[in-house]
């Protein structure tokens, strides 16, 4: 598991239904914890500075155009993750990082 990878998860709250999530936690901290910090993805288009559009490119593994919801950040237990779906291209991950800075005021 690495920052920028897309995984499936079915958990609780906003992630109650199976959906893809993007790992946003730093690679250096991933081995230290039993949970991982992710952002939820959605297929619902919303023009917002906190949402990052992701095309359904082959490397993402997504079946349709999606949006990373930088305003929906959560920690999930690693054992709640399903399978690895794909990986975000670097350019999109840079945009996600900017959206996270906006949401978190960093």
PDB file of N, CA and C in Angstrom:
ATOM      1  N   UNK A   1       0.846  -1.169   0.000  1.00  0.00           N
ATOM      2  CA  UNK A   1       0.000   0.000   0.000  1.00  0.00           C
ATOM      3  C   UNK A   1       0.896   1.238   0.000  1.00  0.00           C
ATOM      4  N   UNK A   2       0.511   2.223  -0.850  1.00  0.00           N
ATOM      5  CA  UNK A   2       1.302   3.451  -0.965  1.00  0.00           C
ATOM      6  C   UNK A   2       0.384   4.653  -1.184  1.00  0.00           C
ATOM      7  N   UNK A   3       0.899   5.826  -0.826  1.00  0.00           N
ATOM      8  CA  UNK A   3       0.184   7.075  -1.095  1.00  0.00           C
ATOM      9  C   UNK A   3      -0.069   7.162  -2.603  1.00  0.00           C
ATOM     10  N   UNK A   4      -1.283   7.545  -2.960  1.00  0.00           N
ATOM     11  CA  UNK A   4      -1.647   7.671  -4.363  1.00  0.00           C
ATOM     12  C   UNK A   4      -2.346   6.454  -4.937  1.00  0.00           C
ATOM     13  N   UNK A   5      -2.391   5.361  -4.179  1.00  0.00           N
ATOM     14  CA  UNK A   5      -3.089   4.176  -4.662  1.00  0.00           C
ATOM     15  C   UNK A   5      -4.583   4.267  -4.360  1.00  0.00           C
ATOM     16  N   UNK A   6      -5.356   3.644  -5.223  1.00  0.00           N
ATOM     17  CA  UNK A   6      -6.808   3.585  -5.064  1.00  0.00           C
ATOM     18  C   UNK A   6      -7.166   2.164  -4.636  1.00  0.00           C
ATOM     19  N   UNK A   7      -7.934   2.072  -3.550  1.00  0.00           N
ATOM     20  CA  UNK A   7      -8.356   0.789  -2.986  1.00  0.00           C
ATOM     21  C   UNK A   7      -9.873   0.792  -2.835  1.00  0.00           C
ATOM     22  N   UNK A   8     -10.450  -0.378  -2.710  1.00  0.00           N
ATOM     23  CA  UNK A   8     -11.874  -0.479  -2.387  1.00  0.00           C
ATOM     24  C   UNK A   8     -12.014  -0.604  -0.876  1.00  0.00           C
ATOM     25  N   UNK A   9     -13.118  -0.072  -0.367  1.00  0.00           N
ATOM     26  CA  UNK A   9     -13.388  -0.168   1.066  1.00  0.00           C
ATOM     27  C   UNK A   9     -14.898  -0.187   1.283  1.00  0.00           C
ATOM     28  N   UNK A  10     -15.325  -0.945   2.264  1.00  0.00           N
ATOM     29  CA  UNK A  10     -16.708  -0.907   2.736  1.00  0.00           C
ATOM     30  C   UNK A  10     -16.611  -0.834   4.242  1.00  0.00           C
ATOM     31  N   UNK A  11     -17.033   0.258   4.792  1.00  0.00           N
ATOM     32  CA  UNK A  11     -16.886   0.435   6.233  1.00  0.00           C
ATOM     33  C   UNK A  11     -18.123   1.016   6.853  1.00  0.00           C
ATOM     34  N   UNK A  12     -17.977   2.228   7.352  1.00  0.00           N
ATOM     35  CA  UNK A  12     -19.077   2.872   8.073  1.00  0.00           C
ATOM     36  C   UNK A  12     -19.158   4.339   7.652  1.00  0.00           C
ATOM     37  N   UNK A  13     -20.193   5.005   8.103  1.00  0.00           N
ATOM     38  CA  UNK A  13     -20.326   6.432   7.811  1.00  0.00           C
ATOM     39  C   UNK A  13     -20.417   6.697   6.320  1.00  0.00           C
ATOM     40  N   UNK A  14     -19.611   7.654   5.850  1.00  0.00           N
ATOM     41  CA  UNK A  14     -19.620   7.998   4.428  1.00  0.00           C
ATOM     42  C   UNK A  14     -19.196   6.826   3.550  1.00  0.00           C
ATOM     43  N   UNK A  15     -18.451   5.894   4.117  1.00  0.00           N
ATOM     44  CA  UNK A  15     -17.963   4.749   3.339  1.00  0.00           C
ATOM     45  C   UNK A  15     -18.793   3.496   3.611  1.00  0.00           C
ATOM     46  N   UNK A  16     -20.067   3.667   3.984  1.00  0.00           N
ATOM     47  CA  UNK A  16     -20.912   2.528   4.328  1.00  0.00           C
ATOM     48  C   UNK A  16     -21.143   1.610   3.126  1.00  0.00           C
ATOM     49  N   UNK A  17     -21.247   2.194   1.935  1.00  0.00           N
ATOM     50  CA  UNK A  17     -21.384   1.351   0.749  1.00  0.00           C
ATOM     51  C   UNK A  17     -19.993   1.142   0.152  1.00  0.00           C
ATOM     52  N   UNK A  18     -19.786   0.019  -0.533  1.00  0.00           N
ATOM     53  CA  UNK A  18     -18.473  -0.202  -1.144  1.00  0.00           C
ATOM     54  C   UNK A  18     -18.146   0.929  -2.110  1.00  0.00           C
ATOM     55  N   UNK A  19     -16.948   1.473  -1.966  1.00  0.00           N
ATOM     56  CA  UNK A  19     -16.542   2.568  -2.839  1.00  0.00           C
ATOM     57  C   UNK A  19     -15.026   2.626  -2.893  1.00  0.00           C
ATOM     58  N   UNK A  20     -14.501   3.281  -3.920  1.00  0.00           N
ATOM     59  CA  UNK A  20     -13.051   3.457  -3.979  1.00  0.00           C
ATOM     60  C   UNK A  20     -12.604   4.581  -3.052  1.00  0.00           C
ATOM     61  N   UNK A  21     -11.395   4.424  -2.523  1.00  0.00           N
ATOM     62  CA  UNK A  21     -10.773   5.456  -1.695  1.00  0.00           C
ATOM     63  C   UNK A  21      -9.351   5.668  -2.190  1.00  0.00           C
ATOM     64  N   UNK A  22      -8.830   6.858  -1.936  1.00  0.00           N
ATOM     65  CA  UNK A  22      -7.462   7.203  -2.308  1.00  0.00           C
ATOM     66  C   UNK A  22      -6.615   7.291  -1.053  1.00  0.00           C
ATOM     67  N   UNK A  23      -5.509   6.576  -1.018  1.00  0.00           N
ATOM     68  CA  UNK A  23      -4.586   6.651   0.118  1.00  0.00           C
ATOM     69  C   UNK A  23      -3.859   7.991   0.042  1.00  0.00           C
ATOM     70  N   UNK A  24      -3.986   8.806   1.109  1.00  0.00           N
ATOM     71  CA  UNK A  24      -3.328  10.115   1.155  1.00  0.00           C
ATOM     72  C   UNK A  24      -2.291  10.196   2.271  1.00  0.00           C
ATOM     73  N   UNK A  25      -2.184   9.157   3.063  1.00  0.00           N
ATOM     74  CA  UNK A  25      -1.210   9.132   4.158  1.00  0.00           C
ATOM     75  C   UNK A  25       0.203   8.994   3.592  1.00  0.00           C
ATOM     76  N   UNK A  26       1.157   9.619   4.250  1.00  0.00           N
ATOM     77  CA  UNK A  26       2.563   9.562   3.856  1.00  0.00           C
ATOM     78  C   UNK A  26       3.078   8.123   3.868  1.00  0.00           C
ATOM     79  N   UNK A  27       3.821   7.755   2.832  1.00  0.00           N
ATOM     80  CA  UNK A  27       4.389   6.406   2.754  1.00  0.00           C
ATOM     81  C   UNK A  27       5.226   6.064   3.982  1.00  0.00           C
ATOM     82  N   UNK A  28       5.950   7.043   4.505  1.00  0.00           N
ATOM     83  CA  UNK A  28       6.827   6.796   5.642  1.00  0.00           C
ATOM     84  C   UNK A  28       6.106   6.402   6.915  1.00  0.00           C
ATOM     85  N   UNK A  29       4.840   6.782   7.037  1.00  0.00           N
ATOM     86  CA  UNK A  29       4.084   6.466   8.253  1.00  0.00           C
ATOM     87  C   UNK A  29       3.187   5.238   8.102  1.00  0.00           C
ATOM     88  N   UNK A  30       3.014   4.751   6.904  1.00  0.00           N
ATOM     89  CA  UNK A  30       2.088   3.634   6.678  1.00  0.00           C
ATOM     90  C   UNK A  30       2.411   2.374   7.481  1.00  0.00           C
ATOM     91  N   UNK A  31       3.668   1.952   7.583  1.00  0.00           N
ATOM     92  CA  UNK A  31       3.942   0.715   8.330  1.00  0.00           C
ATOM     93  C   UNK A  31       3.714   0.824   9.835  1.00  0.00           C
ATOM     94  N   UNK A  32       3.644   2.037  10.353  1.00  0.00           N
ATOM     95  CA  UNK A  32       3.598   2.239  11.803  1.00  0.00           C
ATOM     96  C   UNK A  32       2.215   2.088  12.421  1.00  0.00           C
ATOM     97  N   UNK A  33       1.174   2.051  11.619  1.00  0.00           N
ATOM     98  CA  UNK A  33      -0.185   2.087  12.157  1.00  0.00           C
ATOM     99  C   UNK A  33      -1.041   0.978  11.567  1.00  0.00           C
ATOM    100  N   UNK A  34      -2.109   0.621  12.293  1.00  0.00           N
ATOM    101  CA  UNK A  34      -3.038  -0.391  11.790  1.00  0.00           C
ATOM    102  C   UNK A  34      -4.165   0.231  10.976  1.00  0.00           C
ATOM    103  N   UNK A  35      -4.112   1.560  10.809  1.00  0.00           N
ATOM    104  CA  UNK A  35      -5.095   2.266   9.995  1.00  0.00           C
ATOM    105  C   UNK A  35      -4.364   3.073   8.929  1.00  0.00           C
ATOM    106  N   UNK A  36      -5.132   3.566   7.977  1.00  0.00           N
ATOM    107  CA  UNK A  36      -4.582   4.365   6.884  1.00  0.00           C
ATOM    108  C   UNK A  36      -5.533   5.539   6.623  1.00  0.00           C
ATOM    109  N   UNK A  37      -4.971   6.707   6.326  1.00  0.00           N
ATOM    110  CA  UNK A  37      -5.771   7.898   6.050  1.00  0.00           C
ATOM    111  C   UNK A  37      -6.075   7.934   4.554  1.00  0.00           C
ATOM    112  N   UNK A  38      -7.370   8.076   4.246  1.00  0.00           N
ATOM    113  CA  UNK A  38      -7.833   8.042   2.859  1.00  0.00           C
ATOM    114  C   UNK A  38      -8.811   9.185   2.604  1.00  0.00           C
ATOM    115  N   UNK A  39      -9.031   9.455   1.321  1.00  0.00           N
ATOM    116  CA  UNK A  39     -10.123  10.323   0.878  1.00  0.00           C
ATOM    117  C   UNK A  39     -11.083   9.462   0.070  1.00  0.00           C
ATOM    118  N   UNK A  40     -12.355   9.701   0.261  1.00  0.00           N
ATOM    119  CA  UNK A  40     -13.367   8.976  -0.495  1.00  0.00           C
ATOM    120  C   UNK A  40     -13.433   9.493  -1.924  1.00  0.00           C
ATOM    121  N   UNK A  41     -13.831   8.623  -2.841  1.00  0.00           N
ATOM    122  CA  UNK A  41     -14.082   8.997  -4.225  1.00  0.00           C
ATOM    123  C   UNK A  41     -15.576   8.905  -4.493  1.00  0.00           C
ATOM    124  N   UNK A  42     -16.034   9.688  -5.450  1.00  0.00           N
ATOM    125  CA  UNK A  42     -17.436   9.671  -5.849  1.00  0.00           C
ATOM    126  C   UNK A  42     -17.526   9.798  -7.363  1.00  0.00           C
ATOM    127  N   UNK A  43     -18.629   9.352  -7.924  1.00  0.00           N
ATOM    128  CA  UNK A  43     -18.872   9.539  -9.354  1.00  0.00           C
ATOM    129  C   UNK A  43     -19.804  10.720  -9.599  1.00  0.00           C
ATOM    130  N   UNK A  44     -20.191  11.410  -8.534  1.00  0.00           N
ATOM    131  CA  UNK A  44     -21.088  12.564  -8.638  1.00  0.00           C
ATOM    132  C   UNK A  44     -20.265  13.820  -8.895  1.00  0.00           C
ATOM    133  N   UNK A  45     -20.514  14.450 -10.027  1.00  0.00           N
ATOM    134  CA  UNK A  45     -19.801  15.665 -10.429  1.00  0.00           C
ATOM    135  C   UNK A  45     -20.223  16.837  -9.555  1.00  0.00           C
ATOM    136  N   UNK A  46     -19.228  17.542  -9.028  1.00  0.00           N
ATOM    137  CA  UNK A  46     -19.508  18.737  -8.227  1.00  0.00           C
ATOM    138  C   UNK A  46     -18.355  19.712  -8.428  1.00  0.00           C
ATOM    139  N   UNK A  47     -18.662  20.896  -8.927  1.00  0.00           N
ATOM    140  CA  UNK A  47     -17.646  21.914  -9.168  1.00  0.00           C
ATOM    141  C   UNK A  47     -17.290  22.570  -7.844  1.00  0.00           C
ATOM    142  N   UNK A  48     -16.146  22.182  -7.282  1.00  0.00           N
ATOM    143  CA  UNK A  48     -15.777  22.613  -5.938  1.00  0.00           C
ATOM    144  C   UNK A  48     -14.261  22.541  -5.815  1.00  0.00           C
ATOM    145  N   UNK A  49     -13.659  23.479  -5.116  1.00  0.00           N
ATOM    146  CA  UNK A  49     -12.200  23.490  -4.930  1.00  0.00           C
ATOM    147  C   UNK A  49     -11.721  22.295  -4.117  1.00  0.00           C
ATOM    148  N   UNK A  50     -12.633  21.649  -3.412  1.00  0.00           N
ATOM    149  CA  UNK A  50     -12.266  20.504  -2.567  1.00  0.00           C
ATOM    150  C   UNK A  50     -12.452  19.172  -3.283  1.00  0.00           C
ATOM    151  N   UNK A  51     -12.840  19.217  -4.539  1.00  0.00           N
ATOM    152  CA  UNK A  51     -13.045  17.995  -5.323  1.00  0.00           C
ATOM    153  C   UNK A  51     -12.071  18.001  -6.503  1.00  0.00           C
ATOM    154  N   UNK A  52     -11.440  16.878  -6.742  1.00  0.00           N
ATOM    155  CA  UNK A  52     -10.471  16.754  -7.826  1.00  0.00           C
ATOM    156  C   UNK A  52     -10.969  15.708  -8.818  1.00  0.00           C
ATOM    157  N   UNK A  53     -11.155  16.144 -10.065  1.00  0.00           N
ATOM    158  CA  UNK A  53     -11.659  15.261 -11.119  1.00  0.00           C
ATOM    159  C   UNK A  53     -10.569  14.274 -11.537  1.00  0.00           C
ATOM    160  N   UNK A  54     -10.975  13.017 -11.657  1.00  0.00           N
ATOM    161  CA  UNK A  54     -10.076  11.944 -12.067  1.00  0.00           C
ATOM    162  C   UNK A  54     -10.692  11.242 -13.277  1.00  0.00           C
ATOM    163  N   UNK A  55      -9.956  11.227 -14.374  1.00  0.00           N
ATOM    164  CA  UNK A  55     -10.434  10.502 -15.548  1.00  0.00           C
ATOM    165  C   UNK A  55     -10.286   9.002 -15.317  1.00  0.00           C
ATOM    166  N   UNK A  56     -11.085   8.237 -16.024  1.00  0.00           N
ATOM    167  CA  UNK A  56     -10.997   6.779 -15.887  1.00  0.00           C
ATOM    168  C   UNK A  56      -9.897   6.234 -16.798  1.00  0.00           C
ATOM    169  N   UNK A  57      -8.664   6.652 -16.509  1.00  0.00           N
ATOM    170  CA  UNK A  57      -7.493   6.178 -17.247  1.00  0.00           C
ATOM    171  C   UNK A  57      -7.175   4.744 -16.823  1.00  0.00           C
ATOM    172  N   UNK A  58      -6.528   3.971 -17.681  1.00  0.00           N
ATOM    173  CA  UNK A  58      -6.231   2.573 -17.332  1.00  0.00           C
ATOM    174  C   UNK A  58      -5.494   2.413 -16.005  1.00  0.00           C
ATOM    175  N   UNK A  59      -4.530   3.299 -15.701  1.00  0.00           N
ATOM    176  CA  UNK A  59      -3.755   3.124 -14.471  1.00  0.00           C
ATOM    177  C   UNK A  59      -4.571   3.363 -13.203  1.00  0.00           C
ATOM    178  N   UNK A  60      -5.688   4.111 -13.312  1.00  0.00           N
ATOM    179  CA  UNK A  60      -6.501   4.343 -12.116  1.00  0.00           C
ATOM    180  C   UNK A  60      -7.346   3.125 -11.763  1.00  0.00           C
ATOM    181  N   UNK A  61      -7.686   2.327 -12.765  1.00  0.00           N
ATOM    182  CA  UNK A  61      -8.535   1.169 -12.528  1.00  0.00           C
ATOM    183  C   UNK A  61     -10.000   1.524 -12.340  1.00  0.00           C
ATOM    184  N   UNK A  62     -10.326   2.811 -12.457  1.00  0.00           N
ATOM    185  CA  UNK A  62     -11.709   3.254 -12.266  1.00  0.00           C
ATOM    186  C   UNK A  62     -12.527   2.975 -13.522  1.00  0.00           C
ATOM    187  N   UNK A  63     -13.785   2.635 -13.344  1.00  0.00           N
ATOM    188  CA  UNK A  63     -14.651   2.309 -14.468  1.00  0.00           C
ATOM    189  C   UNK A  63     -15.278   3.543 -15.096  1.00  0.00           C
ATOM    190  N   UNK A  64     -15.276   4.652 -14.348  1.00  0.00           N
ATOM    191  CA  UNK A  64     -15.856   5.895 -14.868  1.00  0.00           C
ATOM    192  C   UNK A  64     -15.141   7.089 -14.249  1.00  0.00           C
ATOM    193  N   UNK A  65     -15.383   8.235 -14.848  1.00  0.00           N
ATOM    194  CA  UNK A  65     -14.831   9.476 -14.315  1.00  0.00           C
ATOM    195  C   UNK A  65     -15.275   9.630 -12.861  1.00  0.00           C
ATOM    196  N   UNK A  66     -14.356  10.045 -12.007  1.00  0.00           N
ATOM    197  CA  UNK A  66     -14.647  10.152 -10.576  1.00  0.00           C
ATOM    198  C   UNK A  66     -14.038  11.423 -10.014  1.00  0.00           C
ATOM    199  N   UNK A  67     -14.386  11.724  -8.770  1.00  0.00           N
ATOM    200  CA  UNK A  67     -13.854  12.888  -8.074  1.00  0.00           C
ATOM    201  C   UNK A  67     -13.339  12.458  -6.712  1.00  0.00           C
ATOM    202  N   UNK A  68     -12.119  12.900  -6.392  1.00  0.00           N
ATOM    203  CA  UNK A  68     -11.581  12.705  -5.052  1.00  0.00           C
ATOM    204  C   UNK A  68     -12.212  13.774  -4.175  1.00  0.00           C
ATOM    205  N   UNK A  69     -12.804  13.366  -3.064  1.00  0.00           N
ATOM    206  CA  UNK A  69     -13.436  14.309  -2.141  1.00  0.00           C
ATOM    207  C   UNK A  69     -12.444  14.634  -1.025  1.00  0.00           C
ATOM    208  N   UNK A  70     -11.667  15.704  -1.227  1.00  0.00           N
ATOM    209  CA  UNK A  70     -10.659  16.085  -0.232  1.00  0.00           C
ATOM    210  C   UNK A  70     -11.305  16.538   1.072  1.00  0.00           C
ATOM    211  N   UNK A  71     -12.593  16.816   1.037  1.00  0.00           N
ATOM    212  CA  UNK A  71     -13.319  17.198   2.255  1.00  0.00           C
ATOM    213  C   UNK A  71     -13.873  15.977   2.994  1.00  0.00           C
ATOM    214  N   UNK A  72     -13.643  14.795   2.460  1.00  0.00           N
ATOM    215  CA  UNK A  72     -14.090  13.551   3.106  1.00  0.00           C
ATOM    216  C   UNK A  72     -12.848  12.711   3.411  1.00  0.00           C
ATOM    217  N   UNK A  73     -12.143  13.110   4.465  1.00  0.00           N
ATOM    218  CA  UNK A  73     -10.910  12.450   4.897  1.00  0.00           C
ATOM    219  C   UNK A  73     -11.255  11.555   6.082  1.00  0.00           C
ATOM    220  N   UNK A  74     -10.789  10.324   6.049  1.00  0.00           N
ATOM    221  CA  UNK A  74     -11.027   9.460   7.190  1.00  0.00           C
ATOM    222  C   UNK A  74      -9.918   8.428   7.325  1.00  0.00           C
ATOM    223  N   UNK A  75      -9.806   7.901   8.519  1.00  0.00           N
ATOM    224  CA  UNK A  75      -8.877   6.803   8.777  1.00  0.00           C
ATOM    225  C   UNK A  75      -9.684   5.514   8.798  1.00  0.00           C
ATOM    226  N   UNK A  76      -9.220   4.532   8.057  1.00  0.00           N
ATOM    227  CA  UNK A  76      -9.871   3.222   8.060  1.00  0.00           C
ATOM    228  C   UNK A  76      -8.842   2.173   8.462  1.00  0.00           C
ATOM    229  N   UNK A  77      -9.320   1.145   9.106  1.00  0.00           N
ATOM    230  CA  UNK A  77      -8.422   0.048   9.473  1.00  0.00           C
ATOM    231  C   UNK A  77      -7.941  -0.630   8.192  1.00  0.00           C
ATOM    232  N   UNK A  78      -6.699  -0.988   8.183  1.00  0.00           N
ATOM    233  CA  UNK A  78      -6.143  -1.626   6.986  1.00  0.00           C
ATOM    234  C   UNK A  78      -6.876  -2.915   6.642  1.00  0.00           C
ATOM    235  N   UNK A  79      -7.379  -3.616   7.660  1.00  0.00           N
ATOM    236  CA  UNK A  79      -8.086  -4.866   7.378  1.00  0.00           C
ATOM    237  C   UNK A  79      -9.494  -4.638   6.819  1.00  0.00           C
ATOM    238  N   UNK A  80      -9.942  -3.372   6.751  1.00  0.00           N
ATOM    239  CA  UNK A  80     -11.224  -3.049   6.120  1.00  0.00           C
ATOM    240  C   UNK A  80     -11.070  -2.765   4.627  1.00  0.00           C
ATOM    241  N   UNK A  81      -9.823  -2.620   4.177  1.00  0.00           N
ATOM    242  CA  UNK A  81      -9.587  -2.378   2.759  1.00  0.00           C
ATOM    243  C   UNK A  81      -9.826  -3.657   1.976  1.00  0.00           C
ATOM    244  N   UNK A  82     -10.402  -3.488   0.806  1.00  0.00           N
ATOM    245  CA  UNK A  82     -10.608  -4.633  -0.071  1.00  0.00           C
ATOM    246  C   UNK A  82      -9.388  -4.837  -0.952  1.00  0.00           C
ATOM    247  N   UNK A  83      -9.576  -4.657  -2.241  1.00  0.00           N
ATOM    248  CA  UNK A  83      -8.480  -4.882  -3.184  1.00  0.00           C
ATOM    249  C   UNK A  83      -7.959  -3.560  -3.746  1.00  0.00           C
ATOM    250  N   UNK A  84      -6.720  -3.611  -4.212  1.00  0.00           N
ATOM    251  CA  UNK A  84      -6.117  -2.455  -4.871  1.00  0.00           C
ATOM    252  C   UNK A  84      -6.755  -2.329  -6.243  1.00  0.00           C
ATOM    253  N   UNK A  85      -7.223  -1.128  -6.555  1.00  0.00           N
ATOM    254  CA  UNK A  85      -7.889  -0.875  -7.828  1.00  0.00           C
ATOM    255  C   UNK A  85      -6.908  -0.314  -8.849  1.00  0.00           C
ATOM    256  N   UNK A  86      -6.079   0.632  -8.415  1.00  0.00           N
ATOM    257  CA  UNK A  86      -5.149   1.279  -9.336  1.00  0.00           C
ATOM    258  C   UNK A  86      -4.343   2.346  -8.628  1.00  0.00           C
ATOM    259  N   UNK A  87      -3.838   3.282  -9.423  1.00  0.00           N
ATOM    260  CA  UNK A  87      -2.989   4.339  -8.880  1.00  0.00           C
ATOM    261  C   UNK A  87      -3.284   5.635  -9.616  1.00  0.00           C
ATOM    262  N   UNK A  88      -3.245   6.743  -8.871  1.00  0.00           N
ATOM    263  CA  UNK A  88      -3.461   8.066  -9.451  1.00  0.00           C
ATOM    264  C   UNK A  88      -2.181   8.547 -10.126  1.00  0.00           C
ATOM    265  N   UNK A  89      -2.279   9.127 -11.326  1.00  0.00           N
ATOM    266  CA  UNK A  89      -1.102   9.732 -11.948  1.00  0.00           C
ATOM    267  C   UNK A  89      -0.567  10.881 -11.078  1.00  0.00           C
ATOM    268  N   UNK A  90       0.725  11.147 -11.175  1.00  0.00           N
ATOM    269  CA  UNK A  90       1.365  12.167 -10.340  1.00  0.00           C
ATOM    270  C   UNK A  90       0.702  13.539 -10.456  1.00  0.00           C
ATOM    271  N   UNK A  91       0.305  13.938 -11.666  1.00  0.00           N
ATOM    272  CA  UNK A  91      -0.308  15.264 -11.849  1.00  0.00           C
ATOM    273  C   UNK A  91      -1.600  15.385 -11.045  1.00  0.00           C
ATOM    274  N   UNK A  92      -2.414  14.338 -11.054  1.00  0.00           N
ATOM    275  CA  UNK A  92      -3.657  14.363 -10.291  1.00  0.00           C
ATOM    276  C   UNK A  92      -3.374  14.322  -8.793  1.00  0.00           C
ATOM    277  N   UNK A  93      -2.351  13.579  -8.389  1.00  0.00           N
ATOM    278  CA  UNK A  93      -2.009  13.509  -6.964  1.00  0.00           C
ATOM    279  C   UNK A  93      -1.542  14.872  -6.463  1.00  0.00           C
ATOM    280  N   UNK A  94      -0.856  15.629  -7.302  1.00  0.00           N
ATOM    281  CA  UNK A  94      -0.455  16.994  -6.937  1.00  0.00           C
ATOM    282  C   UNK A  94      -1.689  17.860  -6.707  1.00  0.00           C
ATOM    283  N   UNK A  95      -2.699  17.700  -7.552  1.00  0.00           N
ATOM    284  CA  UNK A  95      -3.946  18.462  -7.384  1.00  0.00           C
ATOM    285  C   UNK A  95      -4.680  18.041  -6.115  1.00  0.00           C
ATOM    286  N   UNK A  96      -4.641  16.762  -5.792  1.00  0.00           N
ATOM    287  CA  UNK A  96      -5.253  16.281  -4.544  1.00  0.00           C
ATOM    288  C   UNK A  96      -4.536  16.899  -3.349  1.00  0.00           C
ATOM    289  N   UNK A  97      -3.208  16.936  -3.391  1.00  0.00           N
ATOM    290  CA  UNK A  97      -2.437  17.532  -2.289  1.00  0.00           C
ATOM    291  C   UNK A  97      -2.822  18.991  -2.091  1.00  0.00           C
ATOM    292  N   UNK A  98      -3.014  19.724  -3.185  1.00  0.00           N
ATOM    293  CA  UNK A  98      -3.430  21.127  -3.081  1.00  0.00           C
ATOM    294  C   UNK A  98      -4.826  21.232  -2.470  1.00  0.00           C
ATOM    295  N   UNK A  99      -5.731  20.369  -2.888  1.00  0.00           N
ATOM    296  CA  UNK A  99      -7.088  20.386  -2.328  1.00  0.00           C
ATOM    297  C   UNK A  99      -7.061  20.061  -0.835  1.00  0.00           C
ATOM    298  N   UNK A 100      -6.205  19.137  -0.427  1.00  0.00           N
ATOM    299  CA  UNK A 100      -6.080  18.810   1.000  1.00  0.00           C
ATOM    300  C   UNK A 100      -5.543  20.007   1.782  1.00  0.00           C
ATOM    301  N   UNK A 101      -4.584  20.724   1.205  1.00  0.00           N
ATOM    302  CA  UNK A 101      -4.076  21.928   1.875  1.00  0.00           C
ATOM    303  C   UNK A 101      -5.190  22.961   2.041  1.00  0.00           C
ATOM    304  N   UNK A 102      -6.048  23.088   1.042  1.00  0.00           N
ATOM    305  CA  UNK A 102      -7.174  24.024   1.123  1.00  0.00           C
ATOM    306  C   UNK A 102      -8.130  23.615   2.240  1.00  0.00           C
ATOM    307  N   UNK A 103      -8.504  22.343   2.263  1.00  0.00           N
ATOM    308  CA  UNK A 103      -9.450  21.843   3.263  1.00  0.00           C
ATOM    309  C   UNK A 103      -8.896  21.976   4.676  1.00  0.00           C
ATOM    310  N   UNK A 104      -7.622  21.654   4.839  1.00  0.00           N
ATOM    311  CA  UNK A 104      -7.022  21.622   6.177  1.00  0.00           C
ATOM    312  C   UNK A 104      -6.381  22.941   6.589  1.00  0.00           C
ATOM    313  N   UNK A 105      -6.355  23.906   5.682  1.00  0.00           N
ATOM    314  CA  UNK A 105      -5.780  25.208   6.015  1.00  0.00           C
ATOM    315  C   UNK A 105      -4.276  25.161   6.209  1.00  0.00           C
ATOM    316  N   UNK A 106      -3.591  24.331   5.443  1.00  0.00           N
ATOM    317  CA  UNK A 106      -2.135  24.179   5.569  1.00  0.00           C
ATOM    318  C   UNK A 106      -1.397  25.033   4.555  1.00  0.00           C
TER     319      UNK A 106
END
